[in-house]
Amino acid sequence: MSKAFTNETAESAPPPEKMVEDGPNPVTPEGMAQIDGHIARIDAAMSSEPNVLLRETLARDLRYWTARKSTAEVAPPSPDGTVGFGSTVTIKRKDRTQTFRIVGVDEADASKGLISFRAPLAAAVLGAKVGEIVEAAEPLGEMAVITVET
């Protein structure tokens, strides 16, 4: 039988590493607390986990969150009502009003209205002020900034 059709023991292979982005990792104060929470939870789980494979996965996750914490920088609020990192923004585009908060990559959760500062929508409104009209590439198009909270 060809080696290609045999079952390798994947159960003994370590889990693949999670990709860690280069450069600074801006976070909100809540984002820093989430990172600390992940590290504490994984540390606690590792000490009581008897399964070797699960401990390897936990160790990999701990390496990821430790690396993210080492580059994490709590971003200061933006001045003068300007849309910045950590701002909660309400925009109007076409016939739709949308409110979201601009956060770090690891804290982004669109279902909770938290979008990454790297998302096209966030990038389009960063630096804008209340009342400004922002032109963005389609499909975003024209947006009016209604409110900004820091």
N, C-alpha and C. Protein backbone atom coordinates (compact mmCIF):
# COMPACT_ATOMS: atom_id res chain seq x y z
N MET A 1 0.85 -1.18 0.00
CA MET A 1 0.00 0.00 0.00
C MET A 1 0.89 1.24 0.00
N SER A 2 0.47 2.21 -0.74
CA SER A 2 1.22 3.46 -0.82
C SER A 2 1.21 4.18 0.53
N LYS A 3 2.31 4.80 0.87
CA LYS A 3 2.43 5.57 2.11
C LYS A 3 1.41 6.71 2.16
N ALA A 4 1.00 7.22 1.01
CA ALA A 4 0.04 8.33 0.94
C ALA A 4 -1.32 7.96 1.52
N PHE A 5 -1.62 6.66 1.57
CA PHE A 5 -2.93 6.25 2.05
C PHE A 5 -2.91 5.67 3.46
N THR A 6 -1.79 5.77 4.14
CA THR A 6 -1.73 5.26 5.50
C THR A 6 -2.05 6.38 6.47
N ASN A 7 -2.49 6.00 7.64
CA ASN A 7 -2.87 6.98 8.66
C ASN A 7 -1.64 7.33 9.49
N GLU A 8 -1.17 8.54 9.33
CA GLU A 8 -0.07 9.02 10.17
C GLU A 8 -0.62 9.26 11.56
N THR A 9 0.22 9.25 12.55
CA THR A 9 -0.25 9.47 13.92
C THR A 9 -0.31 10.97 14.19
N ALA A 10 -1.36 11.59 13.67
CA ALA A 10 -1.55 13.02 13.88
C ALA A 10 -1.79 13.34 15.33
N GLU A 11 -2.22 12.32 16.08
CA GLU A 11 -2.48 12.53 17.50
C GLU A 11 -1.21 12.90 18.25
N SER A 12 -0.05 12.53 17.71
CA SER A 12 1.20 12.83 18.40
C SER A 12 1.86 14.11 17.88
N ALA A 13 1.31 14.70 16.84
CA ALA A 13 1.90 15.92 16.27
C ALA A 13 1.48 17.13 17.10
N PRO A 14 2.41 18.04 17.36
CA PRO A 14 2.03 19.24 18.11
C PRO A 14 1.12 20.13 17.26
N PRO A 15 0.30 20.94 17.91
CA PRO A 15 -0.58 21.83 17.14
C PRO A 15 0.23 22.90 16.42
N PRO A 16 -0.25 23.37 15.28
CA PRO A 16 0.49 24.43 14.56
C PRO A 16 0.49 25.72 15.37
N GLU A 17 1.55 26.48 15.24
CA GLU A 17 1.64 27.76 15.95
C GLU A 17 0.63 28.74 15.40
N LYS A 18 0.15 29.63 16.25
CA LYS A 18 -0.73 30.72 15.82
C LYS A 18 0.14 31.84 15.30
N MET A 19 -0.31 32.49 14.24
CA MET A 19 0.45 33.59 13.66
C MET A 19 0.37 34.82 14.57
N VAL A 20 1.50 35.43 14.82
CA VAL A 20 1.58 36.65 15.62
C VAL A 20 2.04 37.76 14.69
N GLU A 21 1.25 38.83 14.62
CA GLU A 21 1.58 39.95 13.75
C GLU A 21 2.82 40.68 14.25
N ASP A 22 3.60 41.19 13.32
CA ASP A 22 4.76 42.01 13.67
C ASP A 22 4.29 43.41 14.05
N GLY A 23 5.12 44.11 14.79
CA GLY A 23 4.85 45.50 15.11
C GLY A 23 4.03 45.67 16.37
N PRO A 24 3.69 46.93 16.65
CA PRO A 24 2.95 47.21 17.88
C PRO A 24 1.55 46.61 17.84
N ASN A 25 1.02 46.38 19.02
CA ASN A 25 -0.30 45.80 19.17
C ASN A 25 -1.15 46.76 20.00
N PRO A 26 -1.74 47.78 19.38
CA PRO A 26 -2.55 48.72 20.16
C PRO A 26 -3.79 48.02 20.71
N VAL A 27 -4.10 48.30 21.97
CA VAL A 27 -5.26 47.72 22.63
C VAL A 27 -5.96 48.80 23.46
N THR A 28 -7.22 48.57 23.74
CA THR A 28 -7.94 49.41 24.70
C THR A 28 -7.62 48.86 26.09
N PRO A 29 -7.96 49.58 27.15
CA PRO A 29 -7.77 49.02 28.50
C PRO A 29 -8.50 47.68 28.65
N GLU A 30 -9.69 47.57 28.06
CA GLU A 30 -10.44 46.31 28.12
C GLU A 30 -9.72 45.21 27.36
N GLY A 31 -9.08 45.56 26.26
CA GLY A 31 -8.31 44.59 25.49
C GLY A 31 -7.13 44.06 26.27
N MET A 32 -6.45 44.94 27.02
CA MET A 32 -5.33 44.50 27.86
C MET A 32 -5.84 43.54 28.94
N ALA A 33 -7.00 43.86 29.51
CA ALA A 33 -7.58 42.99 30.53
C ALA A 33 -7.95 41.63 29.94
N GLN A 34 -8.43 41.62 28.69
CA GLN A 34 -8.75 40.35 28.03
C GLN A 34 -7.50 39.50 27.83
N ILE A 35 -6.41 40.12 27.42
CA ILE A 35 -5.15 39.39 27.24
C ILE A 35 -4.71 38.80 28.57
N ASP A 36 -4.73 39.61 29.62
CA ASP A 36 -4.35 39.11 30.95
C ASP A 36 -5.26 37.95 31.37
N GLY A 37 -6.54 38.06 31.07
CA GLY A 37 -7.49 36.99 31.40
C GLY A 37 -7.19 35.70 30.66
N HIS A 38 -6.85 35.82 29.37
CA HIS A 38 -6.49 34.62 28.59
C HIS A 38 -5.27 33.94 29.20
N ILE A 39 -4.25 34.73 29.55
CA ILE A 39 -3.03 34.17 30.11
C ILE A 39 -3.32 33.47 31.44
N ALA A 40 -4.09 34.12 32.31
CA ALA A 40 -4.41 33.52 33.62
C ALA A 40 -5.22 32.24 33.45
N ARG A 41 -6.20 32.26 32.55
CA ARG A 41 -7.05 31.09 32.33
C ARG A 41 -6.23 29.92 31.80
N ILE A 42 -5.33 30.19 30.86
CA ILE A 42 -4.51 29.12 30.28
C ILE A 42 -3.52 28.58 31.30
N ASP A 43 -2.89 29.47 32.08
CA ASP A 43 -1.98 29.03 33.14
C ASP A 43 -2.68 28.07 34.10
N ALA A 44 -3.89 28.44 34.52
CA ALA A 44 -4.65 27.60 35.45
C ALA A 44 -5.01 26.26 34.81
N ALA A 45 -5.41 26.29 33.55
CA ALA A 45 -5.79 25.05 32.87
C ALA A 45 -4.60 24.13 32.67
N MET A 46 -3.44 24.69 32.39
CA MET A 46 -2.24 23.87 32.14
C MET A 46 -1.84 23.09 33.38
N SER A 47 -2.01 23.69 34.55
CA SER A 47 -1.57 23.02 35.78
C SER A 47 -2.45 21.84 36.14
N SER A 48 -3.68 21.81 35.63
CA SER A 48 -4.58 20.71 35.99
C SER A 48 -4.93 19.79 34.83
N GLU A 49 -4.39 20.04 33.65
CA GLU A 49 -4.75 19.24 32.47
C GLU A 49 -3.87 17.98 32.38
N PRO A 50 -4.48 16.79 32.47
CA PRO A 50 -3.68 15.56 32.40
C PRO A 50 -3.35 15.13 30.97
N ASN A 51 -4.12 15.57 30.00
CA ASN A 51 -3.94 15.15 28.62
C ASN A 51 -2.76 15.89 27.99
N VAL A 52 -1.76 15.13 27.54
CA VAL A 52 -0.54 15.71 26.98
C VAL A 52 -0.84 16.56 25.75
N LEU A 53 -1.71 16.09 24.88
CA LEU A 53 -2.03 16.83 23.65
C LEU A 53 -2.75 18.14 23.97
N LEU A 54 -3.64 18.11 24.92
CA LEU A 54 -4.31 19.36 25.31
C LEU A 54 -3.34 20.33 25.98
N ARG A 55 -2.40 19.80 26.76
CA ARG A 55 -1.38 20.68 27.36
C ARG A 55 -0.53 21.33 26.29
N GLU A 56 -0.22 20.59 25.21
CA GLU A 56 0.55 21.18 24.10
C GLU A 56 -0.24 22.32 23.44
N THR A 57 -1.53 22.11 23.27
CA THR A 57 -2.37 23.16 22.69
C THR A 57 -2.44 24.36 23.62
N LEU A 58 -2.59 24.10 24.90
CA LEU A 58 -2.61 25.20 25.87
C LEU A 58 -1.27 25.94 25.88
N ALA A 59 -0.17 25.21 25.79
CA ALA A 59 1.16 25.85 25.77
C ALA A 59 1.31 26.73 24.53
N ARG A 60 0.81 26.24 23.39
CA ARG A 60 0.84 27.04 22.16
C ARG A 60 0.03 28.31 22.33
N ASP A 61 -1.18 28.19 22.90
CA ASP A 61 -2.03 29.36 23.12
C ASP A 61 -1.38 30.33 24.10
N LEU A 62 -0.72 29.80 25.11
CA LEU A 62 -0.02 30.66 26.08
C LEU A 62 1.11 31.42 25.40
N ARG A 63 1.84 30.77 24.49
CA ARG A 63 2.90 31.47 23.74
C ARG A 63 2.31 32.61 22.92
N TYR A 64 1.16 32.35 22.29
CA TYR A 64 0.51 33.38 21.48
C TYR A 64 0.13 34.58 22.34
N TRP A 65 -0.59 34.35 23.43
CA TRP A 65 -1.07 35.47 24.25
C TRP A 65 0.07 36.19 24.97
N THR A 66 1.13 35.45 25.31
CA THR A 66 2.29 36.09 25.92
C THR A 66 2.98 37.00 24.91
N ALA A 67 3.08 36.55 23.67
CA ALA A 67 3.66 37.39 22.61
C ALA A 67 2.78 38.62 22.36
N ARG A 68 1.47 38.45 22.33
CA ARG A 68 0.56 39.59 22.12
C ARG A 68 0.68 40.58 23.26
N LYS A 69 0.83 40.09 24.50
CA LYS A 69 0.97 41.00 25.64
C LYS A 69 2.30 41.76 25.57
N SER A 70 3.35 41.09 25.10
CA SER A 70 4.67 41.74 25.06
C SER A 70 4.68 42.92 24.09
N THR A 71 3.80 42.92 23.09
CA THR A 71 3.75 44.03 22.13
C THR A 71 2.55 44.95 22.35
N ALA A 72 1.71 44.61 23.35
CA ALA A 72 0.49 45.39 23.59
C ALA A 72 0.83 46.78 24.14
N GLU A 73 0.14 47.77 23.59
CA GLU A 73 0.28 49.16 24.05
C GLU A 73 -1.13 49.73 24.19
N VAL A 74 -1.47 50.15 25.41
CA VAL A 74 -2.78 50.75 25.61
C VAL A 74 -2.77 52.11 24.90
N ALA A 75 -3.63 52.24 23.92
CA ALA A 75 -3.67 53.46 23.10
C ALA A 75 -4.41 54.56 23.86
N PRO A 76 -3.87 55.77 23.86
CA PRO A 76 -4.55 56.88 24.53
C PRO A 76 -5.78 57.32 23.75
N PRO A 77 -6.77 57.90 24.43
CA PRO A 77 -7.96 58.38 23.70
C PRO A 77 -7.58 59.51 22.75
N SER A 78 -8.34 59.63 21.68
CA SER A 78 -8.06 60.68 20.71
C SER A 78 -8.55 62.03 21.25
N PRO A 79 -7.84 63.09 20.93
CA PRO A 79 -8.21 64.42 21.44
C PRO A 79 -9.31 65.08 20.61
N ASP A 80 -9.95 66.04 21.19
CA ASP A 80 -10.85 66.95 20.46
C ASP A 80 -12.00 66.29 19.71
N GLY A 81 -12.49 65.15 20.19
CA GLY A 81 -13.62 64.53 19.51
C GLY A 81 -13.28 63.97 18.14
N THR A 82 -12.02 63.73 17.89
CA THR A 82 -11.59 63.13 16.63
C THR A 82 -11.72 61.62 16.73
N VAL A 83 -12.15 60.97 15.66
CA VAL A 83 -12.25 59.51 15.66
C VAL A 83 -10.85 58.93 15.76
N GLY A 84 -10.65 58.10 16.77
CA GLY A 84 -9.36 57.47 16.98
C GLY A 84 -9.53 56.08 17.55
N PHE A 85 -8.43 55.47 17.87
CA PHE A 85 -8.45 54.14 18.45
C PHE A 85 -9.22 54.19 19.76
N GLY A 86 -10.16 53.28 19.94
CA GLY A 86 -10.97 53.23 21.15
C GLY A 86 -12.24 54.06 21.08
N SER A 87 -12.40 54.86 20.03
CA SER A 87 -13.60 55.69 19.89
C SER A 87 -14.82 54.85 19.54
N THR A 88 -15.96 55.29 20.06
CA THR A 88 -17.24 54.74 19.62
C THR A 88 -17.81 55.76 18.65
N VAL A 89 -18.12 55.30 17.46
CA VAL A 89 -18.49 56.19 16.35
C VAL A 89 -19.87 55.80 15.82
N THR A 90 -20.67 56.82 15.53
CA THR A 90 -21.93 56.58 14.82
C THR A 90 -21.81 57.28 13.47
N ILE A 91 -22.07 56.52 12.43
CA ILE A 91 -22.01 57.07 11.07
C ILE A 91 -23.34 56.83 10.38
N LYS A 92 -23.57 57.61 9.34
CA LYS A 92 -24.74 57.40 8.50
C LYS A 92 -24.23 57.27 7.08
N ARG A 93 -24.63 56.19 6.43
CA ARG A 93 -24.30 56.01 5.02
C ARG A 93 -25.52 55.48 4.32
N LYS A 94 -25.81 56.09 3.21
CA LYS A 94 -27.03 55.81 2.47
C LYS A 94 -28.21 55.97 3.43
N ASP A 95 -29.01 54.94 3.61
CA ASP A 95 -30.15 55.04 4.52
C ASP A 95 -29.92 54.23 5.79
N ARG A 96 -28.68 54.09 6.17
CA ARG A 96 -28.34 53.23 7.30
C ARG A 96 -27.48 53.98 8.31
N THR A 97 -27.85 53.86 9.59
CA THR A 97 -27.03 54.40 10.67
C THR A 97 -26.35 53.23 11.36
N GLN A 98 -25.07 53.40 11.67
CA GLN A 98 -24.30 52.32 12.25
C GLN A 98 -23.41 52.87 13.36
N THR A 99 -23.37 52.15 14.50
CA THR A 99 -22.52 52.53 15.62
C THR A 99 -21.54 51.39 15.88
N PHE A 100 -20.28 51.74 16.08
CA PHE A 100 -19.26 50.73 16.35
C PHE A 100 -18.13 51.36 17.15
N ARG A 101 -17.31 50.51 17.78
CA ARG A 101 -16.14 50.97 18.51
C ARG A 101 -14.91 50.42 17.81
N ILE A 102 -13.89 51.26 17.68
CA ILE A 102 -12.65 50.87 17.01
C ILE A 102 -11.69 50.32 18.07
N VAL A 103 -11.29 49.05 17.90
CA VAL A 103 -10.49 48.35 18.90
C VAL A 103 -9.32 47.62 18.24
N GLY A 104 -8.55 46.92 19.07
CA GLY A 104 -7.42 46.14 18.59
C GLY A 104 -7.85 44.88 17.87
N VAL A 105 -6.92 44.27 17.20
CA VAL A 105 -7.18 43.09 16.38
C VAL A 105 -7.77 41.95 17.20
N ASP A 106 -7.20 41.67 18.37
CA ASP A 106 -7.65 40.55 19.18
C ASP A 106 -8.98 40.79 19.88
N GLU A 107 -9.38 42.04 20.05
CA GLU A 107 -10.65 42.33 20.73
C GLU A 107 -11.81 42.54 19.77
N ALA A 108 -11.54 42.54 18.48
CA ALA A 108 -12.59 42.78 17.49
C ALA A 108 -13.65 41.68 17.54
N ASP A 109 -14.90 42.10 17.49
CA ASP A 109 -16.05 41.18 17.48
C ASP A 109 -17.21 41.94 16.86
N ALA A 110 -17.40 41.77 15.57
CA ALA A 110 -18.42 42.54 14.85
C ALA A 110 -19.81 42.35 15.43
N SER A 111 -20.10 41.17 15.99
CA SER A 111 -21.42 40.93 16.55
C SER A 111 -21.69 41.81 17.77
N LYS A 112 -20.63 42.33 18.38
CA LYS A 112 -20.75 43.23 19.53
C LYS A 112 -20.47 44.68 19.16
N GLY A 113 -20.31 44.95 17.87
CA GLY A 113 -20.04 46.31 17.42
C GLY A 113 -18.60 46.74 17.64
N LEU A 114 -17.68 45.78 17.78
CA LEU A 114 -16.26 46.07 17.98
C LEU A 114 -15.52 45.70 16.71
N ILE A 115 -14.95 46.71 16.03
CA ILE A 115 -14.23 46.42 14.79
C ILE A 115 -12.76 46.80 14.92
N SER A 116 -11.94 46.03 14.26
CA SER A 116 -10.51 46.24 14.29
C SER A 116 -10.14 47.56 13.63
N PHE A 117 -9.14 48.22 14.18
CA PHE A 117 -8.65 49.47 13.58
C PHE A 117 -8.12 49.23 12.18
N ARG A 118 -7.85 47.97 11.84
CA ARG A 118 -7.36 47.64 10.50
C ARG A 118 -8.48 47.39 9.50
N ALA A 119 -9.71 47.30 9.97
CA ALA A 119 -10.86 47.09 9.07
C ALA A 119 -11.03 48.31 8.17
N PRO A 120 -11.44 48.12 6.93
CA PRO A 120 -11.61 49.25 6.02
C PRO A 120 -12.56 50.33 6.56
N LEU A 121 -13.63 49.95 7.23
CA LEU A 121 -14.56 50.94 7.78
C LEU A 121 -13.88 51.80 8.82
N ALA A 122 -13.14 51.17 9.74
CA ALA A 122 -12.42 51.93 10.77
C ALA A 122 -11.37 52.83 10.15
N ALA A 123 -10.60 52.27 9.22
CA ALA A 123 -9.55 53.06 8.57
C ALA A 123 -10.12 54.27 7.86
N ALA A 124 -11.31 54.14 7.30
CA ALA A 124 -11.92 55.24 6.55
C ALA A 124 -12.29 56.41 7.47
N VAL A 125 -12.72 56.13 8.69
CA VAL A 125 -13.20 57.21 9.56
C VAL A 125 -12.15 57.70 10.56
N LEU A 126 -11.03 57.00 10.71
CA LEU A 126 -10.00 57.46 11.64
C LEU A 126 -9.56 58.88 11.29
N GLY A 127 -9.54 59.75 12.27
CA GLY A 127 -9.13 61.13 12.06
C GLY A 127 -10.27 62.08 11.73
N ALA A 128 -11.46 61.55 11.49
CA ALA A 128 -12.62 62.40 11.15
C ALA A 128 -13.23 62.99 12.42
N LYS A 129 -14.03 64.04 12.24
CA LYS A 129 -14.73 64.69 13.36
C LYS A 129 -16.23 64.69 13.07
N VAL A 130 -16.99 64.95 14.12
CA VAL A 130 -18.45 65.01 13.98
C VAL A 130 -18.81 66.01 12.89
N GLY A 131 -19.74 65.62 12.04
CA GLY A 131 -20.21 66.48 10.96
C GLY A 131 -19.45 66.32 9.66
N GLU A 132 -18.31 65.67 9.70
CA GLU A 132 -17.53 65.48 8.47
C GLU A 132 -18.15 64.40 7.60
N ILE A 133 -17.97 64.57 6.31
CA ILE A 133 -18.36 63.57 5.32
C ILE A 133 -17.07 62.88 4.87
N VAL A 134 -17.06 61.56 4.97
CA VAL A 134 -15.89 60.78 4.61
C VAL A 134 -16.19 60.02 3.32
N GLU A 135 -15.29 60.12 2.37
CA GLU A 135 -15.41 59.38 1.12
C GLU A 135 -14.51 58.16 1.21
N ALA A 136 -15.09 56.98 1.02
CA ALA A 136 -14.32 55.74 1.05
C ALA A 136 -14.60 54.95 -0.21
N ALA A 137 -13.71 54.05 -0.51
CA ALA A 137 -13.89 53.19 -1.68
C ALA A 137 -15.14 52.35 -1.51
N GLU A 138 -15.75 52.00 -2.63
CA GLU A 138 -16.91 51.10 -2.59
C GLU A 138 -16.46 49.76 -2.02
N PRO A 139 -17.27 49.10 -1.28
CA PRO A 139 -18.70 49.29 -1.12
C PRO A 139 -19.09 50.26 0.00
N LEU A 140 -18.10 50.85 0.68
CA LEU A 140 -18.43 51.75 1.79
C LEU A 140 -19.06 53.05 1.30
N GLY A 141 -18.43 53.69 0.36
CA GLY A 141 -18.97 54.93 -0.20
C GLY A 141 -18.90 56.10 0.76
N GLU A 142 -19.84 57.01 0.63
CA GLU A 142 -19.88 58.24 1.41
C GLU A 142 -20.51 57.98 2.78
N MET A 143 -19.87 58.53 3.84
CA MET A 143 -20.35 58.36 5.21
C MET A 143 -20.31 59.71 5.92
N ALA A 144 -21.33 59.96 6.71
CA ALA A 144 -21.34 61.15 7.56
C ALA A 144 -21.09 60.71 8.99
N VAL A 145 -20.16 61.38 9.66
CA VAL A 145 -19.85 61.08 11.05
C VAL A 145 -20.86 61.83 11.91
N ILE A 146 -21.69 61.08 12.66
CA ILE A 146 -22.76 61.66 13.47
C ILE A 146 -22.30 61.95 14.90
N THR A 147 -21.69 60.95 15.56
CA THR A 147 -21.20 61.13 16.93
C THR A 147 -19.85 60.45 17.09
N VAL A 148 -19.05 60.96 18.04
CA VAL A 148 -17.78 60.35 18.40
C VAL A 148 -17.68 60.42 19.92
N GLU A 149 -17.49 59.27 20.55
CA GLU A 149 -17.27 59.20 22.00
C GLU A 149 -15.93 58.56 22.24
N THR A 150 -15.15 59.15 23.15
CA THR A 150 -13.83 58.56 23.46
C THR A 150 -13.85 57.87 24.79
